[in-house]
Amino acid sequence: MEDIQSTEVNEQAAQSEPESKPVSKREARIKEIQEQAEKTDLVFDGTPNEKEYRSFLLYNAYTNSMGLFSVLIGILCVVILVIGRNAMNAINWYTLLLFALVVLTGYPIFIMFQAKWRAHDKMALPIRYTFLIDGVKSNVGDDAFFVKWRRIFKVRETKYDILLYLDKTRAMIVPKRPLGDREKDVKGLIDRHIVNKKRVRWRSL
């Protein structure tokens, strides 16, 4: 009899307790990311500056087929100018020279202006980079972007940046400047989690 009464009391107490608010998948994921960040302690604050943006843009421009093709066309024009100097009239020679200069120098100059504009954009917000066990997160203001290691297409390193490519042209730019003496730790974490080592290229490690 006492057992029956005890069971009824427990059931009434459970019914009287307020139901806990269900946690959304997004909130649960954010909490998980924060907990992992505290364990790994690889959190860095640093917005790319002009030099770091320029490094990415130049690398991106001249490692794809269009960039290489433009350089090849420019060099070919210079060769024609040298070989055919005596065979060409002055108008054609100077026209070809102007074309070669535009092809070889026009795009780099445009990239320099683009890097300067992006670095000094007054609307730009500070970026926080968090390297986790299962991916990388970047926080810009109230917005957060998270990419898992397996979704990273390739990893490249320039003089000033670590580039985490999401596809052939889009990349998360991680400036090496704020990494300080933890740069090797970051590279080691990336090496551990990128399964295909051919997709990762370091200048030094």
Protein backbone atom coordinates (compact mmCIF):
# COMPACT_ATOMS: atom_id res chain seq x y z
CA MET A 1 0.00 0.00 0.00
CA GLU A 2 2.81 2.37 0.90
CA ASP A 3 4.52 1.57 -2.43
CA ILE A 4 1.36 2.50 -4.33
CA GLN A 5 1.02 5.79 -2.46
CA SER A 6 4.72 6.59 -3.05
CA THR A 7 4.33 5.96 -6.79
CA GLU A 8 1.30 8.26 -6.97
CA VAL A 9 3.18 11.03 -5.14
CA ASN A 10 6.15 10.75 -7.55
CA GLU A 11 3.83 10.90 -10.59
CA GLN A 12 2.07 13.99 -9.23
CA ALA A 13 5.43 15.69 -8.57
CA ALA A 14 6.64 14.92 -12.09
CA GLN A 15 3.43 16.35 -13.56
CA SER A 16 3.72 19.52 -11.47
CA GLU A 17 7.29 20.24 -12.68
CA PRO A 18 7.46 22.84 -15.50
CA GLU A 19 8.46 21.41 -18.86
CA SER A 20 11.97 22.41 -19.94
CA LYS A 21 12.15 24.52 -23.08
CA PRO A 22 13.36 22.41 -26.03
CA VAL A 23 16.78 23.40 -27.36
CA SER A 24 16.95 24.00 -31.10
CA LYS A 25 19.55 22.22 -33.22
CA ARG A 26 21.24 25.57 -33.92
CA GLU A 27 21.54 26.44 -30.21
CA ALA A 28 22.83 22.96 -29.41
CA ARG A 29 25.38 23.24 -32.20
CA ILE A 30 26.59 26.68 -31.02
CA LYS A 31 26.99 25.34 -27.48
CA GLU A 32 28.94 22.35 -28.77
CA ILE A 33 31.24 24.61 -30.82
CA GLN A 34 31.88 26.86 -27.82
CA GLU A 35 32.74 23.89 -25.60
CA GLN A 36 35.16 22.52 -28.19
CA ALA A 37 36.74 25.96 -28.62
CA GLU A 38 37.46 26.10 -24.90
CA LYS A 39 39.18 22.71 -25.09
CA THR A 40 41.31 23.41 -28.15
CA ASP A 41 42.10 27.04 -27.18
CA LEU A 42 42.80 27.95 -30.82
CA VAL A 43 40.83 31.18 -31.02
CA PHE A 44 42.23 34.22 -32.83
CA ASP A 45 41.00 37.74 -33.54
CA GLY A 46 42.25 39.43 -36.67
CA THR A 47 40.75 41.03 -39.76
CA PRO A 48 42.88 40.70 -42.95
CA ASN A 49 44.76 43.91 -43.74
CA GLU A 50 45.61 45.31 -47.19
CA LYS A 51 48.76 43.20 -47.57
CA GLU A 52 46.92 40.00 -46.59
CA TYR A 53 43.99 40.65 -48.94
CA ARG A 54 46.41 41.40 -51.79
CA SER A 55 48.30 38.18 -51.12
CA PHE A 56 45.09 36.15 -51.44
CA LEU A 57 43.78 37.97 -54.50
CA LEU A 58 47.06 37.68 -56.42
CA TYR A 59 47.43 34.00 -55.55
CA ASN A 60 43.83 33.31 -56.52
CA ALA A 61 44.19 35.21 -59.80
CA TYR A 62 47.37 33.56 -61.04
CA THR A 63 46.80 29.95 -60.01
CA ASN A 64 43.70 29.41 -62.14
CA SER A 65 43.51 28.76 -65.88
CA MET A 66 42.35 32.28 -66.84
CA GLY A 67 45.15 33.96 -64.91
CA LEU A 68 47.81 31.70 -66.39
CA PHE A 69 46.33 32.19 -69.87
CA SER A 70 46.51 35.99 -69.55
CA VAL A 71 50.16 35.80 -68.47
CA LEU A 72 50.93 33.50 -71.41
CA ILE A 73 49.25 35.93 -73.85
CA GLY A 74 51.20 38.85 -72.38
CA ILE A 75 54.52 37.02 -72.69
CA LEU A 76 53.67 35.97 -76.25
CA CYS A 77 53.00 39.62 -77.16
CA VAL A 78 56.39 40.66 -75.74
CA VAL A 79 58.12 37.93 -77.77
CA ILE A 80 56.36 39.10 -80.96
CA LEU A 81 57.36 42.69 -80.20
CA VAL A 82 61.02 41.73 -79.87
CA ILE A 83 61.16 39.39 -82.90
CA GLY A 84 59.00 41.48 -85.24
CA ARG A 85 60.26 44.91 -84.30
CA ASN A 86 61.73 45.57 -87.74
CA ALA A 87 58.93 43.86 -89.69
CA MET A 88 56.05 45.78 -88.04
CA ASN A 89 55.09 49.39 -88.66
CA ALA A 90 55.17 51.80 -85.74
CA ILE A 91 51.37 51.91 -85.21
CA ASN A 92 51.01 48.12 -84.98
CA TRP A 93 54.08 47.83 -82.75
CA TYR A 94 52.88 50.44 -80.25
CA THR A 95 49.34 49.00 -80.31
CA LEU A 96 50.68 45.55 -79.45
CA LEU A 97 52.94 47.04 -76.78
CA LEU A 98 49.96 48.79 -75.17
CA PHE A 99 47.95 45.54 -75.24
CA ALA A 100 50.83 43.63 -73.61
CA LEU A 101 51.15 46.24 -70.85
CA VAL A 102 47.41 46.12 -70.13
CA VAL A 103 47.39 42.31 -70.00
CA LEU A 104 50.48 42.03 -67.79
CA THR A 105 49.97 44.99 -65.47
CA GLY A 106 46.30 45.99 -65.66
CA TYR A 107 44.90 43.12 -63.58
CA PRO A 108 47.58 43.31 -60.83
CA ILE A 109 46.92 47.05 -60.49
CA PHE A 110 43.18 46.39 -60.25
CA ILE A 111 43.86 43.76 -57.54
CA MET A 112 45.93 46.27 -55.54
CA PHE A 113 43.08 48.79 -55.58
CA GLN A 114 40.59 46.05 -54.66
CA ALA A 115 42.72 44.93 -51.70
CA LYS A 116 43.09 48.52 -50.53
CA TRP A 117 39.33 49.07 -50.71
CA ARG A 118 38.50 45.86 -48.83
CA ALA A 119 41.07 46.50 -46.11
CA HIS A 120 39.93 50.08 -45.48
CA ASP A 121 36.19 49.47 -45.80
CA LYS A 122 34.61 51.32 -42.86
CA MET A 123 31.74 48.81 -42.81
CA ALA A 124 34.09 45.85 -42.30
CA LEU A 125 33.77 44.12 -38.91
CA PRO A 126 36.46 42.33 -36.86
CA ILE A 127 36.72 38.58 -37.51
CA ARG A 128 37.25 35.86 -34.89
CA TYR A 129 38.65 32.52 -36.09
CA THR A 130 38.05 29.38 -34.03
CA PHE A 131 39.82 26.13 -34.96
CA LEU A 132 37.91 23.13 -33.65
CA ILE A 133 38.16 19.36 -33.66
CA ASP A 134 35.59 19.01 -36.43
CA GLY A 135 36.04 22.24 -38.42
CA VAL A 136 36.69 25.98 -38.51
CA LYS A 137 34.35 28.77 -37.46
CA SER A 138 34.58 32.47 -38.27
CA ASN A 139 32.52 35.08 -36.43
CA VAL A 140 31.83 38.44 -38.08
CA GLY A 141 29.68 40.58 -35.82
CA ASP A 142 26.56 38.58 -34.99
CA ASP A 143 27.05 36.21 -37.93
CA ALA A 144 28.89 32.90 -37.66
CA PHE A 145 30.13 30.69 -40.49
CA PHE A 146 31.18 27.11 -39.77
CA VAL A 147 32.81 24.68 -42.21
CA LYS A 148 33.66 21.06 -41.44
CA TRP A 149 37.11 19.76 -42.27
CA ARG A 150 35.76 17.27 -44.81
CA ARG A 151 34.14 20.10 -46.78
CA ILE A 152 37.41 21.98 -47.27
CA PHE A 153 38.41 21.58 -50.92
CA LYS A 154 42.11 22.41 -50.48
CA VAL A 155 44.50 24.34 -48.23
CA ARG A 156 47.13 26.74 -49.54
CA GLU A 157 49.61 29.04 -47.82
CA THR A 158 50.86 32.38 -49.08
CA LYS A 159 53.44 34.59 -47.43
CA TYR A 160 50.80 36.27 -45.28
CA ASP A 161 47.74 33.96 -45.26
CA ILE A 162 46.44 30.44 -44.78
CA LEU A 163 43.71 29.89 -47.38
CA LEU A 164 40.99 27.33 -46.68
CA TYR A 165 39.27 26.80 -50.04
CA LEU A 166 35.58 25.89 -50.08
CA ASP A 167 35.74 25.31 -53.85
CA LYS A 168 38.12 26.23 -56.68
CA THR A 169 37.89 30.00 -56.13
CA ARG A 170 36.18 30.77 -52.78
CA ALA A 171 38.34 30.62 -49.68
CA MET A 172 38.30 31.50 -46.01
CA ILE A 173 41.25 33.89 -45.58
CA VAL A 174 43.08 33.28 -42.30
CA PRO A 175 45.83 35.91 -41.80
CA LYS A 176 48.95 34.43 -40.21
CA ARG A 177 49.71 37.66 -38.32
CA PRO A 178 47.30 37.06 -35.38
CA LEU A 179 48.32 33.39 -35.08
CA GLY A 180 51.71 34.37 -33.68
CA ASP A 181 53.60 31.44 -32.17
CA ARG A 182 50.50 29.23 -32.51
CA GLU A 183 50.85 29.09 -36.31
CA LYS A 184 52.42 25.61 -36.20
CA ASP A 185 49.61 24.43 -33.90
CA VAL A 186 47.03 25.58 -36.42
CA LYS A 187 48.88 23.91 -39.29
CA GLY A 188 49.20 20.72 -37.26
CA LEU A 189 45.46 20.70 -36.54
CA ILE A 190 44.71 21.16 -40.24
CA ASP A 191 47.15 18.37 -41.17
CA ARG A 192 45.50 15.99 -38.73
CA HIS A 193 42.01 16.56 -40.06
CA ILE A 194 42.50 16.91 -43.83
CA VAL A 195 42.60 13.26 -44.88
CA ASN A 196 43.92 13.81 -48.43
CA LYS A 197 47.40 15.27 -47.80
CA LYS A 198 47.76 16.20 -51.48
CA ARG A 199 45.19 18.94 -50.91
CA VAL A 200 47.40 20.66 -48.33
CA ARG A 201 50.46 22.68 -49.35
CA TRP A 202 52.60 24.55 -46.84
CA ARG A 203 55.44 26.95 -47.56
CA SER A 204 57.02 25.79 -44.30
CA LEU A 205 55.97 23.75 -41.27
